[in-house]
N, C-alpha and C. Protein backbone atom coordinates (compact mmCIF):
# COMPACT_ATOMS: atom_id res chain seq x y z
N MET A 1 81.20 -56.80 43.34
CA MET A 1 79.88 -56.32 42.97
C MET A 1 79.98 -54.84 42.58
N ALA A 2 79.29 -54.47 41.55
CA ALA A 2 79.29 -53.08 41.08
C ALA A 2 78.51 -52.19 42.04
N GLU A 3 78.84 -50.91 42.03
CA GLU A 3 78.11 -49.94 42.84
C GLU A 3 76.66 -49.88 42.37
N PRO A 4 75.70 -49.75 43.30
CA PRO A 4 74.30 -49.63 42.91
C PRO A 4 74.07 -48.36 42.07
N ASP A 5 73.24 -48.45 41.09
CA ASP A 5 72.90 -47.32 40.22
C ASP A 5 71.65 -46.65 40.78
N ILE A 6 71.86 -45.59 41.56
CA ILE A 6 70.75 -44.88 42.19
C ILE A 6 71.09 -43.40 42.25
N ALA A 7 70.07 -42.57 42.08
CA ALA A 7 70.20 -41.12 42.26
C ALA A 7 68.94 -40.64 42.96
N ILE A 8 69.09 -39.65 43.81
CA ILE A 8 67.96 -39.12 44.58
C ILE A 8 67.96 -37.60 44.44
N ALA A 9 66.78 -37.03 44.25
CA ALA A 9 66.63 -35.58 44.17
C ALA A 9 65.46 -35.16 45.06
N LYS A 10 65.52 -33.96 45.55
CA LYS A 10 64.43 -33.41 46.36
C LYS A 10 63.67 -32.38 45.54
N LEU A 11 62.35 -32.49 45.52
CA LEU A 11 61.53 -31.52 44.80
C LEU A 11 61.65 -30.16 45.47
N GLN A 12 61.91 -29.14 44.67
CA GLN A 12 62.07 -27.77 45.15
C GLN A 12 60.80 -26.97 44.83
N ARG A 13 59.74 -27.23 45.59
CA ARG A 13 58.45 -26.57 45.33
C ARG A 13 58.48 -25.08 45.65
N ASP A 14 59.27 -24.69 46.64
CA ASP A 14 59.30 -23.30 47.10
C ASP A 14 60.49 -22.57 46.47
N THR A 15 60.40 -22.35 45.19
CA THR A 15 61.48 -21.70 44.46
C THR A 15 60.90 -20.64 43.54
N ALA A 16 61.72 -19.69 43.17
CA ALA A 16 61.31 -18.68 42.21
C ALA A 16 61.47 -19.18 40.78
N GLU A 17 62.17 -20.29 40.62
CA GLU A 17 62.39 -20.87 39.28
C GLU A 17 61.14 -21.60 38.82
N ARG A 18 60.87 -21.54 37.52
CA ARG A 18 59.72 -22.25 36.97
C ARG A 18 60.01 -23.74 36.81
N PHE A 19 61.24 -24.09 36.48
CA PHE A 19 61.58 -25.48 36.17
C PHE A 19 62.66 -25.99 37.10
N GLN A 20 62.46 -27.19 37.58
CA GLN A 20 63.53 -27.95 38.23
C GLN A 20 63.78 -29.13 37.31
N HIS A 21 64.95 -29.17 36.71
CA HIS A 21 65.29 -30.18 35.71
C HIS A 21 65.70 -31.47 36.41
N LEU A 22 64.71 -32.24 36.82
CA LEU A 22 64.97 -33.45 37.58
C LEU A 22 65.70 -34.50 36.76
N ARG A 23 65.46 -34.53 35.46
CA ARG A 23 66.17 -35.50 34.61
C ARG A 23 67.68 -35.30 34.75
N ARG A 24 68.09 -34.05 34.68
CA ARG A 24 69.51 -33.72 34.80
C ARG A 24 70.02 -34.07 36.19
N GLU A 25 69.27 -33.71 37.24
CA GLU A 25 69.69 -33.98 38.61
C GLU A 25 69.81 -35.48 38.88
N LEU A 26 68.94 -36.26 38.25
CA LEU A 26 68.94 -37.70 38.49
C LEU A 26 69.83 -38.47 37.52
N GLY A 27 70.23 -37.81 36.43
CA GLY A 27 71.00 -38.51 35.41
C GLY A 27 70.15 -39.51 34.65
N ALA A 28 68.86 -39.22 34.52
CA ALA A 28 67.93 -40.14 33.84
C ALA A 28 68.22 -40.16 32.34
N ASN A 29 68.19 -41.33 31.75
CA ASN A 29 68.49 -41.49 30.33
C ASN A 29 67.27 -41.69 29.45
N SER A 30 66.21 -42.29 29.98
CA SER A 30 65.09 -42.66 29.13
C SER A 30 63.79 -41.96 29.49
N LEU A 31 63.82 -41.11 30.51
CA LEU A 31 62.61 -40.43 30.95
C LEU A 31 62.92 -38.97 31.21
N GLY A 32 62.17 -38.09 30.58
CA GLY A 32 62.27 -36.68 30.91
C GLY A 32 61.36 -36.40 32.09
N ILE A 33 61.84 -35.64 33.06
CA ILE A 33 61.02 -35.32 34.24
C ILE A 33 61.43 -33.95 34.76
N ASN A 34 60.44 -33.08 34.86
CA ASN A 34 60.66 -31.73 35.36
C ASN A 34 59.58 -31.41 36.39
N LEU A 35 59.98 -30.70 37.44
CA LEU A 35 59.03 -30.09 38.35
C LEU A 35 58.77 -28.69 37.79
N ILE A 36 57.52 -28.33 37.64
CA ILE A 36 57.17 -27.02 37.12
C ILE A 36 56.32 -26.30 38.16
N VAL A 37 56.72 -25.08 38.49
CA VAL A 37 55.99 -24.24 39.44
C VAL A 37 55.57 -22.98 38.69
N LEU A 38 54.26 -22.77 38.57
CA LEU A 38 53.74 -21.58 37.91
C LEU A 38 52.93 -20.77 38.90
N GLN A 39 53.24 -19.49 38.98
CA GLN A 39 52.48 -18.57 39.80
C GLN A 39 51.20 -18.20 39.04
N PRO A 40 50.20 -17.66 39.73
CA PRO A 40 48.97 -17.25 39.03
C PRO A 40 49.29 -16.36 37.82
N GLY A 41 48.69 -16.70 36.70
CA GLY A 41 48.87 -15.94 35.47
C GLY A 41 50.02 -16.41 34.59
N GLN A 42 50.90 -17.25 35.09
CA GLN A 42 52.02 -17.73 34.27
C GLN A 42 51.57 -18.88 33.37
N ARG A 43 52.27 -19.00 32.23
CA ARG A 43 51.97 -20.08 31.29
C ARG A 43 53.23 -20.45 30.53
N SER A 44 53.17 -21.58 29.87
CA SER A 44 54.31 -22.04 29.06
C SER A 44 54.10 -21.65 27.61
N ARG A 45 55.09 -21.95 26.80
CA ARG A 45 54.96 -21.79 25.35
C ARG A 45 53.98 -22.83 24.82
N ILE A 46 53.34 -22.52 23.71
CA ILE A 46 52.60 -23.53 22.96
C ILE A 46 53.66 -24.40 22.30
N HIS A 47 53.57 -25.71 22.51
CA HIS A 47 54.62 -26.56 21.95
C HIS A 47 54.09 -27.96 21.64
N ALA A 48 54.86 -28.71 20.90
CA ALA A 48 54.62 -30.13 20.61
C ALA A 48 56.00 -30.78 20.59
N HIS A 49 56.02 -32.07 20.42
CA HIS A 49 57.28 -32.81 20.36
C HIS A 49 57.33 -33.67 19.12
N GLU A 50 58.53 -33.95 18.66
CA GLU A 50 58.69 -34.85 17.52
C GLU A 50 58.47 -36.30 17.92
N HIS A 51 58.94 -36.68 19.12
CA HIS A 51 58.92 -38.09 19.49
C HIS A 51 58.26 -38.39 20.83
N GLN A 52 58.41 -37.53 21.81
CA GLN A 52 57.98 -37.92 23.16
C GLN A 52 56.57 -37.45 23.50
N GLU A 53 55.81 -38.36 24.11
CA GLU A 53 54.55 -37.96 24.71
C GLU A 53 54.87 -37.37 26.06
N GLU A 54 53.92 -36.62 26.62
CA GLU A 54 54.13 -36.05 27.95
C GLU A 54 52.93 -36.35 28.84
N GLU A 55 53.24 -36.53 30.11
CA GLU A 55 52.21 -36.66 31.13
C GLU A 55 52.40 -35.52 32.10
N TYR A 56 51.29 -34.95 32.54
CA TYR A 56 51.31 -33.85 33.49
C TYR A 56 50.55 -34.29 34.74
N LEU A 57 51.25 -34.35 35.87
CA LEU A 57 50.67 -34.76 37.14
C LEU A 57 50.62 -33.55 38.06
N VAL A 58 49.41 -33.13 38.41
CA VAL A 58 49.22 -31.96 39.25
C VAL A 58 49.43 -32.35 40.72
N LEU A 59 50.39 -31.69 41.37
CA LEU A 59 50.67 -31.93 42.78
C LEU A 59 49.90 -30.96 43.69
N GLU A 60 49.79 -29.71 43.25
CA GLU A 60 48.98 -28.73 43.98
C GLU A 60 48.55 -27.63 43.03
N GLY A 61 47.42 -27.02 43.36
CA GLY A 61 46.87 -25.96 42.51
C GLY A 61 45.99 -26.54 41.43
N GLU A 62 45.78 -25.73 40.40
CA GLU A 62 44.89 -26.12 39.30
C GLU A 62 45.57 -25.82 37.97
N LEU A 63 45.70 -26.84 37.15
CA LEU A 63 46.32 -26.73 35.84
C LEU A 63 45.27 -26.48 34.78
N THR A 64 45.50 -25.47 33.96
CA THR A 64 44.73 -25.31 32.74
C THR A 64 45.62 -25.84 31.63
N LEU A 65 45.23 -26.97 31.06
CA LEU A 65 45.97 -27.62 29.99
C LEU A 65 45.23 -27.33 28.69
N VAL A 66 45.87 -26.56 27.83
CA VAL A 66 45.24 -26.19 26.55
C VAL A 66 45.81 -27.13 25.50
N VAL A 67 44.94 -27.91 24.86
CA VAL A 67 45.33 -28.89 23.86
C VAL A 67 44.64 -28.54 22.55
N GLU A 68 45.46 -28.16 21.56
CA GLU A 68 44.94 -27.74 20.25
C GLU A 68 43.85 -26.68 20.41
N GLY A 69 44.06 -25.76 21.36
CA GLY A 69 43.16 -24.64 21.58
C GLY A 69 42.00 -24.91 22.51
N VAL A 70 41.84 -26.14 22.99
CA VAL A 70 40.74 -26.50 23.88
C VAL A 70 41.28 -26.63 25.30
N GLU A 71 40.63 -25.95 26.25
CA GLU A 71 41.08 -25.96 27.65
C GLU A 71 40.53 -27.15 28.42
N HIS A 72 41.40 -27.73 29.25
CA HIS A 72 41.04 -28.81 30.17
C HIS A 72 41.57 -28.40 31.53
N THR A 73 40.77 -28.57 32.58
CA THR A 73 41.18 -28.18 33.92
C THR A 73 41.43 -29.43 34.76
N LEU A 74 42.60 -29.46 35.39
CA LEU A 74 42.97 -30.58 36.25
C LEU A 74 43.34 -30.06 37.62
N GLY A 75 42.89 -30.77 38.65
CA GLY A 75 43.23 -30.41 40.02
C GLY A 75 44.29 -31.34 40.58
N ALA A 76 44.60 -31.15 41.84
CA ALA A 76 45.61 -31.96 42.52
C ALA A 76 45.26 -33.44 42.39
N ASP A 77 46.29 -34.24 42.16
CA ASP A 77 46.20 -35.69 42.04
C ASP A 77 45.55 -36.15 40.73
N GLU A 78 45.41 -35.26 39.77
CA GLU A 78 44.93 -35.65 38.44
C GLU A 78 46.11 -35.62 37.47
N ILE A 79 46.03 -36.46 36.46
CA ILE A 79 47.12 -36.59 35.49
C ILE A 79 46.53 -36.66 34.09
N ALA A 80 47.25 -36.09 33.14
CA ALA A 80 46.83 -36.12 31.74
C ALA A 80 48.02 -36.53 30.87
N ARG A 81 47.73 -37.20 29.77
CA ARG A 81 48.73 -37.57 28.78
C ARG A 81 48.42 -36.85 27.49
N VAL A 82 49.46 -36.30 26.85
CA VAL A 82 49.30 -35.62 25.57
C VAL A 82 50.27 -36.27 24.59
N GLY A 83 49.77 -36.70 23.45
CA GLY A 83 50.59 -37.34 22.43
C GLY A 83 51.64 -36.39 21.88
N ALA A 84 52.70 -36.95 21.34
CA ALA A 84 53.88 -36.19 20.91
C ALA A 84 53.53 -35.03 19.98
N ALA A 85 52.85 -35.28 18.90
CA ALA A 85 52.64 -34.26 17.87
C ALA A 85 51.51 -33.29 18.19
N THR A 86 50.81 -33.52 19.28
CA THR A 86 49.68 -32.67 19.66
C THR A 86 50.19 -31.39 20.32
N ARG A 87 49.74 -30.24 19.83
CA ARG A 87 50.16 -28.97 20.42
C ARG A 87 49.48 -28.78 21.77
N ARG A 88 50.27 -28.24 22.73
CA ARG A 88 49.75 -28.05 24.07
C ARG A 88 50.40 -26.84 24.72
N GLN A 89 49.73 -26.35 25.76
CA GLN A 89 50.25 -25.26 26.58
C GLN A 89 49.75 -25.49 27.99
N ILE A 90 50.62 -25.26 28.97
CA ILE A 90 50.19 -25.35 30.35
C ILE A 90 50.09 -23.94 30.91
N ALA A 91 49.07 -23.73 31.75
CA ALA A 91 48.83 -22.39 32.30
C ALA A 91 48.25 -22.49 33.70
N ASN A 92 48.50 -21.44 34.47
CA ASN A 92 47.91 -21.32 35.79
C ASN A 92 46.93 -20.16 35.75
N LYS A 93 45.66 -20.47 35.59
CA LYS A 93 44.61 -19.45 35.59
C LYS A 93 44.01 -19.27 36.97
N GLY A 94 44.50 -20.04 37.94
CA GLY A 94 43.96 -19.98 39.29
C GLY A 94 44.55 -18.84 40.10
N ARG A 95 44.17 -18.80 41.39
CA ARG A 95 44.64 -17.75 42.30
C ARG A 95 45.79 -18.23 43.18
N ALA A 96 46.07 -19.54 43.17
CA ALA A 96 47.16 -20.11 43.95
C ALA A 96 48.22 -20.63 43.00
N ARG A 97 49.41 -20.86 43.52
CA ARG A 97 50.46 -21.38 42.65
C ARG A 97 50.10 -22.79 42.19
N LEU A 98 50.67 -23.17 41.07
CA LEU A 98 50.49 -24.49 40.47
C LEU A 98 51.82 -25.23 40.53
N VAL A 99 51.80 -26.45 41.03
CA VAL A 99 52.98 -27.30 41.07
C VAL A 99 52.64 -28.60 40.37
N LEU A 100 53.44 -28.96 39.38
CA LEU A 100 53.17 -30.20 38.66
C LEU A 100 54.46 -30.87 38.23
N LEU A 101 54.36 -32.16 37.98
CA LEU A 101 55.44 -32.92 37.37
C LEU A 101 55.10 -33.11 35.91
N ALA A 102 56.07 -32.81 35.05
CA ALA A 102 55.93 -33.09 33.62
C ALA A 102 56.88 -34.23 33.31
N LEU A 103 56.32 -35.31 32.79
CA LEU A 103 57.10 -36.50 32.47
C LEU A 103 57.01 -36.74 30.97
N GLY A 104 58.11 -37.08 30.35
CA GLY A 104 58.10 -37.33 28.92
C GLY A 104 58.95 -38.53 28.57
N ALA A 105 58.47 -39.29 27.61
CA ALA A 105 59.23 -40.46 27.15
C ALA A 105 58.84 -40.75 25.71
N ALA A 106 59.74 -41.44 25.03
CA ALA A 106 59.49 -41.84 23.64
C ALA A 106 59.78 -43.32 23.50
N GLY A 107 59.20 -43.92 22.51
CA GLY A 107 59.44 -45.33 22.27
C GLY A 107 58.44 -46.20 23.01
N GLN A 108 58.50 -47.46 22.73
CA GLN A 108 57.57 -48.42 23.31
C GLN A 108 58.00 -48.80 24.72
N HIS A 109 57.07 -48.79 25.64
CA HIS A 109 57.35 -49.22 27.02
C HIS A 109 57.54 -50.73 27.04
N GLU A 110 58.56 -51.18 27.76
CA GLU A 110 58.80 -52.61 27.90
C GLU A 110 58.11 -53.09 29.17
N SER A 111 56.97 -53.71 28.99
CA SER A 111 56.21 -54.23 30.11
C SER A 111 56.78 -55.58 30.55
N ARG A 112 56.68 -55.84 31.81
CA ARG A 112 57.09 -57.13 32.35
C ARG A 112 58.57 -57.41 32.17
N ASP A 113 59.43 -56.40 32.34
CA ASP A 113 60.87 -56.65 32.24
C ASP A 113 61.53 -56.76 33.62
N ALA A 114 60.72 -56.83 34.68
CA ALA A 114 61.25 -56.89 36.04
C ALA A 114 61.64 -58.32 36.40
N ILE A 115 62.54 -58.41 37.38
CA ILE A 115 62.96 -59.68 37.96
C ILE A 115 62.85 -59.51 39.47
N ALA A 116 62.36 -60.52 40.17
CA ALA A 116 62.12 -60.40 41.61
C ALA A 116 62.77 -61.55 42.39
N TRP A 117 63.06 -61.26 43.68
CA TRP A 117 63.61 -62.24 44.61
C TRP A 117 62.80 -62.19 45.89
N THR A 118 62.87 -63.24 46.68
CA THR A 118 62.15 -63.26 47.96
C THR A 118 62.94 -62.63 49.09
N SER A 119 64.28 -62.54 48.95
CA SER A 119 65.09 -61.91 50.00
C SER A 119 66.39 -61.39 49.38
N TRP A 120 67.09 -60.54 50.14
CA TRP A 120 68.38 -60.00 49.70
C TRP A 120 69.45 -61.08 49.65
N HIS A 121 69.23 -62.16 50.35
CA HIS A 121 70.23 -63.22 50.44
C HIS A 121 70.02 -64.32 49.41
N GLU A 122 68.96 -64.24 48.65
CA GLU A 122 68.66 -65.27 47.65
C GLU A 122 69.64 -65.17 46.49
N ASP A 123 70.22 -66.29 46.13
CA ASP A 123 71.11 -66.37 44.97
C ASP A 123 70.29 -66.74 43.75
N GLY A 124 70.87 -66.57 42.60
CA GLY A 124 70.19 -66.98 41.37
C GLY A 124 69.69 -65.81 40.57
N PRO A 125 69.15 -66.11 39.42
CA PRO A 125 68.78 -65.05 38.47
C PRO A 125 67.48 -64.33 38.78
N GLY A 126 66.72 -64.78 39.75
CA GLY A 126 65.43 -64.15 40.01
C GLY A 126 64.35 -64.74 39.13
N ARG A 127 63.10 -64.31 39.41
CA ARG A 127 61.94 -64.83 38.67
C ARG A 127 61.03 -63.67 38.31
N PRO A 128 60.07 -63.91 37.41
CA PRO A 128 59.08 -62.86 37.12
C PRO A 128 58.35 -62.48 38.41
N PRO A 129 58.06 -61.20 38.63
CA PRO A 129 57.44 -60.76 39.89
C PRO A 129 56.15 -61.49 40.23
N GLN A 130 55.34 -61.82 39.25
CA GLN A 130 54.07 -62.49 39.54
C GLN A 130 54.27 -63.89 40.11
N GLU A 131 55.50 -64.43 40.03
CA GLU A 131 55.81 -65.74 40.60
C GLU A 131 56.41 -65.65 42.00
N VAL A 132 56.65 -64.43 42.49
CA VAL A 132 57.24 -64.22 43.81
C VAL A 132 56.17 -63.62 44.71
N PRO A 133 55.86 -64.28 45.83
CA PRO A 133 54.80 -63.73 46.70
C PRO A 133 55.20 -62.39 47.30
N LEU A 134 54.23 -61.55 47.58
CA LEU A 134 54.47 -60.28 48.25
C LEU A 134 54.96 -60.55 49.66
N PRO A 135 55.90 -59.75 50.16
CA PRO A 135 56.40 -59.96 51.52
C PRO A 135 55.40 -59.47 52.56
N ASP A 136 55.65 -59.87 53.81
CA ASP A 136 54.85 -59.32 54.90
C ASP A 136 55.04 -57.83 54.95
N ASP A 137 54.01 -57.09 55.34
CA ASP A 137 54.04 -55.63 55.36
C ASP A 137 54.67 -55.03 56.61
N ASP A 138 55.00 -55.84 57.60
CA ASP A 138 55.42 -55.29 58.88
C ASP A 138 56.92 -55.08 59.03
N ALA A 139 57.72 -55.47 58.05
CA ALA A 139 59.17 -55.32 58.20
C ALA A 139 59.82 -55.12 56.83
N VAL A 140 60.92 -54.38 56.83
CA VAL A 140 61.72 -54.21 55.63
C VAL A 140 62.77 -55.30 55.65
N ALA A 141 62.95 -55.95 54.48
CA ALA A 141 63.90 -57.06 54.41
C ALA A 141 65.32 -56.59 54.64
């Protein structure tokens, strides 16, 4: 059996660096993911992308997301998507630090490509997840 393909990274929220390049740390091939920490008054470049859309998930603080010159304010646990060619800038206009995840991807998402099993000991090719009942919540298999 081949070695499992897994990578784990820890978010570095308490850093002087603005970016933690999680894609690089995880060896991700199809998803861009960065932790961004902005102190009050800091902002990014105005930018757009040729191919990838981006999602911004606010973990703490308040994000001012400027899209084509229009400001949108997002708080903790809010997320926004910006299309590839749309110009955007992220900024921290608040009094506390801002911590967010920026996720980017290009191409069509492949929905329903998962395969599921009822146990680790089950042989066979697996089935679509909707055909496999959810396990009991009280124990890890």
